[in-house]
Protein backbone atom coordinates (compact mmCIF):
# COMPACT_ATOMS: atom_id res chain seq x y z
CA MET A 1 3.36 -30.03 10.62
CA ALA A 2 4.75 -28.72 7.32
CA TYR A 3 8.29 -29.16 8.63
CA VAL A 4 7.65 -32.81 9.52
CA THR A 5 5.92 -33.71 6.26
CA ASN A 6 8.72 -32.08 4.25
CA LYS A 7 11.43 -33.89 6.26
CA LEU A 8 9.66 -37.22 5.77
CA GLY A 9 9.10 -36.58 2.06
CA LEU A 10 5.32 -36.66 2.46
CA PRO A 11 2.96 -34.53 0.40
CA GLY A 12 1.88 -31.27 1.98
CA ILE A 13 2.33 -27.53 1.97
CA SER A 14 5.72 -25.88 2.32
CA GLU A 15 6.94 -24.41 5.59
CA GLU A 16 6.80 -20.96 3.99
CA SER A 17 3.13 -21.43 3.05
CA ALA A 18 2.31 -22.67 6.54
CA LEU A 19 3.97 -19.60 8.07
CA ARG A 20 2.07 -17.29 5.74
CA PHE A 21 -1.27 -18.70 6.87
CA THR A 22 -0.56 -19.15 10.58
CA ASN A 23 1.29 -15.91 11.40
CA LYS A 24 -0.94 -12.83 11.19
CA GLY A 25 2.02 -10.46 10.87
CA VAL A 26 3.45 -12.32 7.89
CA MET A 27 0.00 -12.65 6.32
CA ARG A 28 -0.70 -8.91 6.63
CA GLN A 29 2.69 -7.99 5.20
CA LEU A 30 2.05 -10.29 2.26
CA SER A 31 -1.45 -8.94 1.65
CA ASP A 32 -0.18 -5.35 1.82
CA HIS A 33 2.53 -6.15 -0.71
CA VAL A 34 0.44 -8.21 -3.12
CA ALA A 35 -2.98 -6.57 -3.17
CA SER A 36 -2.90 -3.24 -1.38
CA ASP A 37 -4.69 -1.50 -4.23
CA VAL A 38 -7.53 -4.05 -4.13
CA LEU A 39 -7.92 -5.01 -0.47
CA HIS A 40 -7.26 -1.67 1.25
CA PRO A 41 -6.04 -3.42 4.41
CA VAL A 42 -6.16 -1.78 7.80
CA LYS A 43 -3.00 -0.30 9.29
CA PHE A 44 -0.95 -2.69 11.39
CA VAL A 45 2.33 -2.93 13.22
CA VAL A 46 4.08 -6.06 14.47
CA VAL A 47 5.61 -5.46 17.90
CA SER A 48 7.77 -7.56 20.20
CA ASN A 49 7.39 -5.82 23.56
CA ILE A 50 5.28 -3.34 25.53
CA THR A 51 7.45 -0.36 24.58
CA GLU A 52 6.96 -1.06 20.87
CA ALA A 53 3.22 -1.56 21.50
CA GLU A 54 2.97 1.84 23.22
CA GLN A 55 4.85 3.51 20.35
CA ALA A 56 2.60 1.83 17.79
CA GLY A 57 -0.47 2.98 19.72
CA ALA A 58 0.76 6.56 19.63
CA GLU A 59 1.37 6.35 15.86
CA LEU A 60 -1.83 4.52 14.92
CA ASN A 61 -4.12 6.31 17.38
CA PHE A 62 -6.53 4.68 19.76
CA PRO A 63 -8.74 2.68 19.89
CA LEU A 64 -6.86 -0.25 18.40
CA PHE A 65 -6.66 -4.04 18.63
CA LEU A 66 -3.72 -5.91 20.09
CA LYS A 67 -3.56 -9.52 18.91
CA PRO A 68 -0.96 -12.29 18.98
CA VAL A 69 0.49 -13.03 15.55
CA ASP A 70 0.54 -16.78 16.14
CA SER A 71 -2.78 -18.25 15.06
CA GLN A 72 -2.20 -21.11 17.46
CA SER A 73 -2.55 -18.73 20.44
């Protein structure tokens, strides 16, 4: 939606802001960078395939949560 409103010159949030609030991976990276000393976020890894997920599981230790990054999923 942000892309369309920006292309049409309508008021709205930027595409970058929309991505930050709809992609969990981007949001976590931002929160780690901006407020890690205040929020104490949980450990996370963004993976693209099962092999990366297995490697992340070995590094983070089980149990863990596996979630899609796209908030629309």
